[in-house]
């Protein structure tokens, strides 16, 4: 009977710290907020009332929004459930804004 090959070891790969093993690369863990019923209800309501991307509208474009974004990030003191701190963004605008915010301190 053939034997199963030994597991390949890859010494060139770094071992990630424990805080990154959950799959979240952000500096703060907001999963309790985003998985909560209150956030999901607010997000759904906000999409109904604001279906278009706010950033694209400022540039004169009409694009359907896909993400509800906090204008002031939670980690910088933005209110979580305040509708004045929310905006609807399309995928590309949200990725661009989140990328800029990731490098802010």
Protein backbone atom coordinates (compact mmCIF):
# COMPACT_ATOMS: atom_id res chain seq x y z
CA UNK A 1 0.00 0.00 0.00
CA UNK A 2 1.48 3.39 -0.95
CA UNK A 3 2.17 5.88 1.80
CA UNK A 4 0.84 9.38 1.86
CA UNK A 5 3.61 11.96 1.21
CA UNK A 6 4.84 14.00 4.14
CA UNK A 7 3.49 17.50 4.50
CA UNK A 8 5.55 20.05 2.62
CA UNK A 9 7.19 22.54 4.98
CA UNK A 10 7.62 26.07 3.70
CA UNK A 11 10.23 27.78 5.87
CA UNK A 12 10.15 30.92 3.73
CA UNK A 13 6.59 31.74 4.90
CA UNK A 14 6.25 33.93 7.96
CA UNK A 15 4.00 32.89 10.79
CA UNK A 16 1.32 35.51 11.30
CA UNK A 17 0.67 37.01 14.73
CA UNK A 18 -2.47 35.79 16.53
CA UNK A 19 -4.44 38.98 15.86
CA UNK A 20 -4.21 38.35 12.09
CA UNK A 21 -5.27 34.70 12.17
CA UNK A 22 -8.95 35.63 12.30
CA UNK A 23 -8.70 36.86 8.71
CA UNK A 24 -9.13 40.51 9.64
CA UNK A 25 -6.19 42.72 8.73
CA UNK A 26 -7.68 45.87 10.22
CA UNK A 27 -6.26 47.43 13.37
CA UNK A 28 -9.61 47.29 15.16
CA UNK A 29 -12.17 44.53 15.36
CA UNK A 30 -15.61 45.92 14.55
CA UNK A 31 -17.18 42.55 13.71
CA UNK A 32 -19.56 42.74 16.69
CA UNK A 33 -20.96 45.98 15.27
CA UNK A 34 -21.21 44.88 11.63
CA UNK A 35 -22.69 41.46 12.47
CA UNK A 36 -25.28 42.95 14.81
CA UNK A 37 -28.96 43.23 14.03
CA UNK A 38 -29.04 46.97 14.72
CA UNK A 39 -26.36 47.67 12.05
CA UNK A 40 -28.00 45.39 9.49
CA UNK A 41 -31.35 47.13 9.92
CA UNK A 42 -29.77 50.59 9.68
CA UNK A 43 -27.75 49.57 6.60
CA UNK A 44 -30.83 48.22 4.85
CA UNK A 45 -32.83 51.37 5.67
CA UNK A 46 -29.95 53.59 4.52
CA UNK A 47 -29.70 51.78 1.15
CA UNK A 48 -33.41 52.27 0.52
CA UNK A 49 -33.12 56.02 1.15
CA UNK A 50 -29.68 56.54 -0.49
CA UNK A 51 -29.24 54.06 -3.38
CA UNK A 52 -26.57 56.00 -5.33
CA UNK A 53 -22.84 56.38 -4.67
CA UNK A 54 -22.23 59.72 -2.93
CA UNK A 55 -18.70 60.15 -4.31
CA UNK A 56 -19.78 59.48 -7.90
CA UNK A 57 -22.66 61.94 -7.49
CA UNK A 58 -20.14 64.64 -6.46
CA UNK A 59 -18.33 63.98 -9.75
CA UNK A 60 -21.56 64.12 -11.77
CA UNK A 61 -21.86 60.35 -12.31
CA UNK A 62 -24.79 58.08 -11.54
CA UNK A 63 -23.61 54.80 -9.99
CA UNK A 64 -25.47 52.33 -7.81
CA UNK A 65 -24.06 52.09 -4.30
CA UNK A 66 -22.93 48.75 -2.90
CA UNK A 67 -21.50 49.66 0.53
CA UNK A 68 -22.59 51.84 3.43
CA UNK A 69 -19.51 53.66 4.68
CA UNK A 70 -18.76 55.70 7.79
CA UNK A 71 -17.62 59.18 6.75
CA UNK A 72 -15.54 59.48 9.93
CA UNK A 73 -14.18 56.01 10.73
CA UNK A 74 -15.22 54.40 13.99
CA UNK A 75 -11.60 54.08 15.11
CA UNK A 76 -11.18 57.85 14.72
CA UNK A 77 -14.21 58.65 16.86
CA UNK A 78 -17.01 58.47 14.30
CA UNK A 79 -20.45 57.59 15.57
CA UNK A 80 -21.46 54.04 14.68
CA UNK A 81 -25.23 54.39 14.25
CA UNK A 82 -25.51 58.10 13.37
CA UNK A 83 -27.01 58.46 9.90
CA UNK A 84 -25.19 61.81 9.49
CA UNK A 85 -21.93 59.83 9.60
CA UNK A 86 -22.98 57.40 6.84
CA UNK A 87 -22.75 57.50 3.07
CA UNK A 88 -23.43 55.02 0.29
CA UNK A 89 -20.45 54.22 -1.94
CA UNK A 90 -19.82 51.94 -4.91
CA UNK A 91 -17.15 49.24 -4.63
CA UNK A 92 -14.38 51.24 -6.30
CA UNK A 93 -15.01 54.45 -4.32
CA UNK A 94 -15.23 52.49 -1.07
CA UNK A 95 -11.96 50.67 -1.80
CA UNK A 96 -10.24 53.97 -2.63
CA UNK A 97 -11.49 55.67 0.56
CA UNK A 98 -10.67 52.66 2.76
CA UNK A 99 -7.18 52.48 1.27
CA UNK A 100 -6.53 56.14 2.12
CA UNK A 101 -7.87 55.66 5.64
CA UNK A 102 -5.71 52.59 6.23
CA UNK A 103 -2.60 54.76 5.97
CA UNK A 104 -3.94 57.49 8.27
CA UNK A 105 -2.87 57.55 11.90
